[in-house]
Amino acid sequence: MSSVKTYQKVNSKKESASFGISKMEDVYTKRNGKIDEPHRHNFYTVLIVKQAKGQHKIDFNSYPLESNQIFFVAPGQVHQVIEEKKSYGFAMTFSNQFLVENSIPLSFIESLNLFQNYGQSPPLKPNAAQLHSIENFATNIFNLFYSDATMKNLSIGAFLKLLLIECNNICAINPIESDVDTSGDNLLRSFKTAVDINYKKEHSTTFYANELFISPDHLNRTFKSKTGKTAKEYIQARIITEAKRLLYFTNLSNKEIGFELGFNEPANFSAFFKKHTQLSPSNFKKSETNL
């Protein structure tokens, strides 16, 4: 089985591009309605869906692709848009480079409750007034992007920030406020970084709490107050996501994947995987490859 296709650049035809926006209906027409294979990007993707019918798979979780939705896909996430008919809306992509060049701190993106790197990534479902506001921001961005306006990237960056704030305020958890708890945000970023570095060997909350010089209870309380999930759930979601990617995109055996992810016994890996997905590793691989 071939490795997952990864798009490295926002625009393959323009090496220096760090931002892009297209209308979903134009992308559908350009592809003649052909469904792209599962892939991932090394940049952020936002889909503002005004009208659609189909499915959107993000890290092997399937969500209905419907009207009046907004999807957020983080760098590295595997996703696939499956349209039953032409969709209408906006597809927007931007890289860390764009954020830096337009004075948007990466910490701003990380403080949002939008880009969920691992686990569930369900769409936002704004009401009519909220969607109208977000569509207005997207339309302004689209018109600027295809214009010759002076300092257009700075203008796009400003509208993008407003669009993301509006989206974040729809979320039930952790709306952006002026008195945002920066110490908690810093702790979340440090914890997520530590998990990315160590998850293949270390699976316990205690290990990460020790790395951050705090108690496991403090780590769990802070993480749950910000995300609605415990630190342990985040670690487990990271392991399960990587297991699914390895099962689908490589020819490694279940035993090899288990060892790769820090399980000393294949049976322990299989039991862990089945507990969190209700499928054995082998049955998961069969169910995905037969779609």
Protein backbone atom coordinates (compact mmCIF):
# COMPACT_ATOMS: atom_id res chain seq x y z
CA MET A 1 0.00 0.00 0.00
CA SER A 2 1.47 3.40 -0.96
CA SER A 3 2.22 6.08 1.60
CA VAL A 4 -0.28 8.89 2.07
CA LYS A 5 -0.10 11.69 -0.49
CA THR A 6 1.09 14.89 1.17
CA TYR A 7 0.65 18.35 -0.32
CA GLN A 8 3.67 20.36 0.81
CA LYS A 9 2.75 23.70 -0.76
CA VAL A 10 -0.38 25.85 -0.61
CA ASN A 11 -0.06 26.28 -4.40
CA SER A 12 1.97 23.67 -6.30
CA LYS A 13 2.37 26.08 -9.24
CA LYS A 14 3.61 28.97 -7.12
CA GLU A 15 6.43 27.96 -4.79
CA SER A 16 6.28 31.09 -2.63
CA ALA A 17 2.50 31.04 -2.04
CA SER A 18 1.50 30.85 1.62
CA PHE A 19 -2.24 31.49 1.26
CA GLY A 20 -4.94 30.37 -1.14
CA ILE A 21 -8.71 30.57 -1.49
CA SER A 22 -11.02 29.01 -4.09
CA LYS A 23 -14.73 28.51 -4.52
CA MET A 24 -15.72 24.91 -3.84
CA GLU A 25 -17.87 24.85 -6.98
CA ASP A 26 -14.85 25.83 -9.10
CA VAL A 27 -12.71 23.08 -7.55
CA TYR A 28 -15.47 20.54 -8.28
CA THR A 29 -15.70 21.67 -11.90
CA LYS A 30 -11.91 21.65 -12.33
CA ARG A 31 -11.76 18.05 -11.06
CA ASN A 32 -14.80 17.04 -13.18
CA GLY A 33 -16.43 15.80 -9.98
CA LYS A 34 -13.69 13.23 -9.44
CA ILE A 35 -13.10 12.32 -5.80
CA ASP A 36 -9.57 12.91 -4.58
CA GLU A 37 -7.84 10.12 -2.70
CA PRO A 38 -7.19 10.54 1.03
CA HIS A 39 -4.32 12.98 1.51
CA ARG A 40 -2.88 15.46 3.95
CA HIS A 41 -1.48 18.99 3.83
CA ASN A 42 1.42 20.68 5.57
CA PHE A 43 -0.83 23.71 6.05
CA TYR A 44 -4.20 24.69 7.51
CA THR A 45 -7.46 24.19 5.61
CA VAL A 46 -10.83 25.83 6.25
CA LEU A 47 -13.94 24.76 4.31
CA ILE A 48 -16.89 27.15 4.52
CA VAL A 49 -19.72 25.05 3.11
CA LYS A 50 -22.84 26.88 2.00
CA GLN A 51 -24.46 23.99 0.09
CA ALA A 52 -23.32 20.37 -0.23
CA LYS A 53 -24.18 16.71 -0.02
CA GLY A 54 -21.70 13.93 0.70
CA GLN A 55 -19.11 13.01 3.31
CA HIS A 56 -15.95 14.51 4.72
CA LYS A 57 -13.49 12.05 6.25
CA ILE A 58 -10.91 13.48 8.64
CA ASP A 59 -8.42 11.04 10.17
CA PHE A 60 -10.82 8.16 9.36
CA ASN A 61 -13.77 9.77 11.15
CA SER A 62 -16.62 10.37 8.72
CA TYR A 63 -18.88 13.43 8.93
CA PRO A 64 -21.86 14.29 6.73
CA LEU A 65 -20.97 16.97 4.20
CA GLU A 66 -24.03 19.20 4.37
CA SER A 67 -25.11 22.79 3.88
CA ASN A 68 -24.17 25.49 6.39
CA GLN A 69 -21.05 23.93 7.89
CA ILE A 70 -17.45 24.93 8.52
CA PHE A 71 -14.63 22.36 8.65
CA PHE A 72 -11.13 22.92 10.04
CA VAL A 73 -8.28 20.60 9.05
CA ALA A 74 -4.93 20.95 10.81
CA PRO A 75 -1.53 20.31 9.19
CA GLY A 76 -0.84 16.57 9.06
CA GLN A 77 -4.44 15.41 9.29
CA VAL A 78 -5.53 12.92 6.64
CA HIS A 79 -8.76 13.98 4.96
CA GLN A 80 -10.96 13.28 1.95
CA VAL A 81 -13.96 15.22 0.64
CA ILE A 82 -16.53 12.95 -1.02
CA GLU A 83 -19.13 15.02 -2.91
CA GLU A 84 -22.32 13.46 -4.28
CA LYS A 85 -22.93 16.64 -6.27
CA LYS A 86 -21.35 20.05 -6.74
CA SER A 87 -20.70 21.86 -3.48
CA TYR A 88 -20.88 25.62 -3.01
CA GLY A 89 -18.72 27.58 -0.61
CA PHE A 90 -15.10 28.50 -0.01
CA ALA A 91 -11.94 26.40 0.44
CA MET A 92 -9.19 28.37 2.16
CA THR A 93 -5.60 27.28 2.88
CA PHE A 94 -2.77 29.02 4.72
CA SER A 95 0.62 28.07 6.10
CA ASN A 96 2.60 29.02 9.19
CA GLN A 97 4.65 31.22 6.88
CA PHE A 98 1.55 33.29 6.06
CA LEU A 99 0.84 33.75 9.77
CA VAL A 100 4.39 34.92 10.46
CA GLU A 101 4.49 37.28 7.48
CA ASN A 102 1.22 38.91 8.52
CA SER A 103 1.89 39.29 12.24
CA ILE A 104 -0.50 36.53 13.36
CA PRO A 105 1.19 34.61 16.20
CA LEU A 106 1.06 30.83 15.98
CA SER A 107 -0.08 31.01 19.61
CA PHE A 108 -3.27 32.70 18.35
CA ILE A 109 -4.10 29.71 16.15
CA GLU A 110 -3.22 27.28 18.94
CA SER A 111 -5.47 29.15 21.39
CA LEU A 112 -8.49 28.56 19.16
CA ASN A 113 -10.78 25.61 19.74
CA LEU A 114 -10.98 24.95 15.99
CA PHE A 115 -8.07 22.91 14.63
CA GLN A 116 -8.25 19.58 16.47
CA ASN A 117 -5.11 17.71 15.42
CA TYR A 118 -6.19 14.34 16.80
CA GLY A 119 -9.46 12.65 17.64
CA GLN A 120 -12.80 14.04 16.51
CA SER A 121 -12.90 17.05 14.16
CA PRO A 122 -16.64 17.69 13.66
CA PRO A 123 -17.76 20.73 11.67
CA LEU A 124 -19.09 23.92 13.16
CA LYS A 125 -22.77 24.45 12.47
CA PRO A 126 -23.39 28.21 12.65
CA ASN A 127 -26.86 29.70 12.60
CA ALA A 128 -27.96 31.81 9.63
CA ALA A 129 -26.72 35.11 11.08
CA GLN A 130 -23.36 33.64 12.08
CA LEU A 131 -22.85 32.01 8.68
CA HIS A 132 -23.74 35.27 6.94
CA SER A 133 -21.07 37.10 8.92
CA ILE A 134 -18.45 34.41 8.20
CA GLU A 135 -19.36 34.34 4.50
CA ASN A 136 -18.88 38.10 4.35
CA PHE A 137 -15.35 37.74 5.73
CA ALA A 138 -14.63 34.94 3.24
CA THR A 139 -16.00 36.99 0.33
CA ASN A 140 -13.81 39.94 1.29
CA ILE A 141 -10.79 37.60 1.47
CA PHE A 142 -11.65 36.05 -1.91
CA ASN A 143 -12.03 39.46 -3.61
CA LEU A 144 -8.78 40.72 -2.07
CA PHE A 145 -6.87 37.58 -3.04
CA TYR A 146 -7.72 38.00 -6.72
CA SER A 147 -7.12 41.76 -6.71
CA ASP A 148 -4.06 43.99 -7.06
CA ALA A 149 -4.81 45.81 -3.82
CA THR A 150 -1.91 47.43 -1.96
CA MET A 151 -0.77 45.33 1.03
CA LYS A 152 -3.49 42.81 0.21
CA ASN A 153 -1.88 40.03 2.28
CA LEU A 154 -2.04 42.18 5.41
CA SER A 155 -5.72 42.87 4.66
CA ILE A 156 -6.37 39.17 4.08
CA GLY A 157 -4.61 38.38 7.36
CA ALA A 158 -6.83 40.83 9.22
CA PHE A 159 -10.03 39.39 7.72
CA LEU A 160 -8.77 35.84 8.36
CA LYS A 161 -8.22 36.65 12.02
CA LEU A 162 -11.73 38.12 12.31
CA LEU A 163 -13.21 35.08 10.54
CA LEU A 164 -11.45 32.66 12.90
CA ILE A 165 -12.48 34.65 15.99
CA GLU A 166 -16.10 34.62 14.79
CA CYS A 167 -15.88 30.85 14.29
CA ASN A 168 -14.24 30.31 17.66
CA ASN A 169 -16.97 32.29 19.41
CA ILE A 170 -19.50 29.77 18.11
CA CYS A 171 -17.73 26.97 19.98
CA ALA A 172 -19.24 26.03 23.31
CA ILE A 173 -15.82 25.65 24.94
CA ASN A 174 -13.09 28.23 25.36
CA PRO A 175 -14.37 31.28 23.50
CA ILE A 176 -11.69 33.91 23.01
CA GLU A 177 -11.98 36.65 25.60
CA SER A 178 -9.87 39.66 26.41
CA ASP A 179 -8.78 38.11 29.70
CA VAL A 180 -7.71 34.82 28.12
CA ASP A 181 -5.70 32.62 30.47
CA THR A 182 -2.33 32.78 28.73
CA SER A 183 -0.66 30.56 31.33
CA GLY A 184 -3.18 27.81 30.56
CA ASP A 185 -2.68 28.27 26.83
CA ASN A 186 1.08 28.01 27.24
CA LEU A 187 0.65 24.83 29.25
CA LEU A 188 -1.55 23.33 26.51
CA ARG A 189 1.00 24.14 23.83
CA SER A 190 3.85 22.68 25.90
CA PHE A 191 1.84 19.52 26.63
CA LYS A 192 0.85 18.99 22.98
CA THR A 193 4.46 19.50 21.89
CA ALA A 194 5.67 16.99 24.47
CA VAL A 195 3.06 14.45 23.32
CA ASP A 196 4.10 14.85 19.68
CA ILE A 197 7.72 14.15 20.64
CA ASN A 198 7.15 11.27 23.06
CA TYR A 199 3.81 9.55 22.34
CA LYS A 200 5.42 6.53 20.69
CA LYS A 201 7.17 5.66 23.95
CA GLU A 202 5.30 7.38 26.76
CA HIS A 203 1.57 6.88 27.27
CA SER A 204 0.99 8.08 30.84
CA THR A 205 -0.27 11.47 31.99
CA THR A 206 2.23 11.32 34.86
CA PHE A 207 5.20 11.31 32.48
CA TYR A 208 4.02 14.49 30.74
CA ALA A 209 3.11 16.20 34.02
CA ASN A 210 6.64 15.50 35.29
CA GLU A 211 8.10 16.89 32.05
CA LEU A 212 6.13 20.10 32.64
CA PHE A 213 6.93 20.21 36.38
CA ILE A 214 3.29 20.10 37.45
CA SER A 215 1.02 17.51 39.02
CA PRO A 216 -1.05 15.12 36.85
CA ASP A 217 -4.20 16.56 38.45
CA HIS A 218 -3.26 20.13 37.49
CA LEU A 219 -2.47 19.03 33.93
CA ASN A 220 -5.81 17.24 33.61
CA ARG A 221 -7.85 20.10 35.11
CA THR A 222 -6.21 22.73 32.91
CA PHE A 223 -6.46 20.66 29.74
CA LYS A 224 -10.09 19.74 30.36
CA SER A 225 -11.08 23.34 31.13
CA LYS A 226 -9.62 24.42 27.79
CA THR A 227 -10.66 21.52 25.53
CA GLY A 228 -13.36 19.51 27.27
CA LYS A 229 -11.12 16.42 27.25
CA THR A 230 -8.64 15.00 29.72
CA ALA A 231 -4.92 14.88 29.05
CA LYS A 232 -5.14 11.08 28.97
CA GLU A 233 -7.83 11.21 26.28
CA TYR A 234 -5.60 13.45 24.18
CA ILE A 235 -2.63 11.08 24.49
CA GLN A 236 -4.82 8.12 23.56
CA ALA A 237 -6.33 9.97 20.58
CA ARG A 238 -2.83 10.77 19.32
CA ILE A 239 -1.82 7.08 19.52
CA ILE A 240 -5.04 5.85 17.86
CA THR A 241 -4.76 8.40 15.03
CA GLU A 242 -1.19 7.34 14.27
CA ALA A 243 -2.17 3.66 14.46
CA LYS A 244 -4.95 4.23 11.90
CA ARG A 245 -2.56 6.06 9.58
CA LEU A 246 0.04 3.30 9.80
CA LEU A 247 -2.58 0.58 9.28
CA TYR A 248 -4.03 2.29 6.21
CA PHE A 249 -0.98 3.77 4.54
CA THR A 250 1.79 1.24 5.23
CA ASN A 251 2.39 -2.48 4.90
CA LEU A 252 3.59 -2.83 8.48
CA SER A 253 2.15 -5.77 10.39
CA ASN A 254 -0.02 -5.25 13.48
CA LYS A 255 2.92 -6.45 15.58
CA GLU A 256 5.31 -3.95 13.97
CA ILE A 257 2.83 -1.09 14.42
CA GLY A 258 2.32 -2.04 18.06
CA PHE A 259 6.07 -1.94 18.71
CA GLU A 260 6.35 1.33 16.78
CA LEU A 261 3.77 2.86 19.13
CA GLY A 262 5.32 1.64 22.36
CA PHE A 263 3.38 -1.56 23.06
CA ASN A 264 5.63 -4.40 24.25
CA GLU A 265 3.10 -7.09 23.35
CA PRO A 266 1.00 -7.24 20.15
CA ALA A 267 -2.01 -8.33 22.21
CA ASN A 268 -1.80 -5.13 24.27
CA PHE A 269 -1.85 -3.00 21.13
CA SER A 270 -4.80 -4.94 19.68
CA ALA A 271 -6.76 -4.63 22.94
CA PHE A 272 -6.03 -0.88 23.16
CA PHE A 273 -7.04 -0.32 19.54
CA LYS A 274 -10.26 -2.33 19.85
CA LYS A 275 -11.22 -0.56 23.09
CA HIS A 276 -11.06 2.82 21.40
CA THR A 277 -12.40 1.97 17.93
CA GLN A 278 -14.62 -1.12 18.52
CA LEU A 279 -12.61 -2.83 15.75
CA SER A 280 -9.51 -4.99 15.75
CA PRO A 281 -6.56 -3.50 13.81
CA SER A 282 -7.05 -6.07 11.04
CA ASN A 283 -10.78 -5.41 10.75
CA PHE A 284 -10.19 -1.65 10.69
CA LYS A 285 -7.77 -2.06 7.80
CA LYS A 286 -10.25 -4.27 5.90
CA SER A 287 -13.15 -1.89 6.50
CA GLU A 288 -11.23 1.15 5.21
CA THR A 289 -9.58 -0.48 2.19
CA ASN A 290 -12.87 -2.00 1.03
CA LEU A 291 -14.63 1.39 0.84
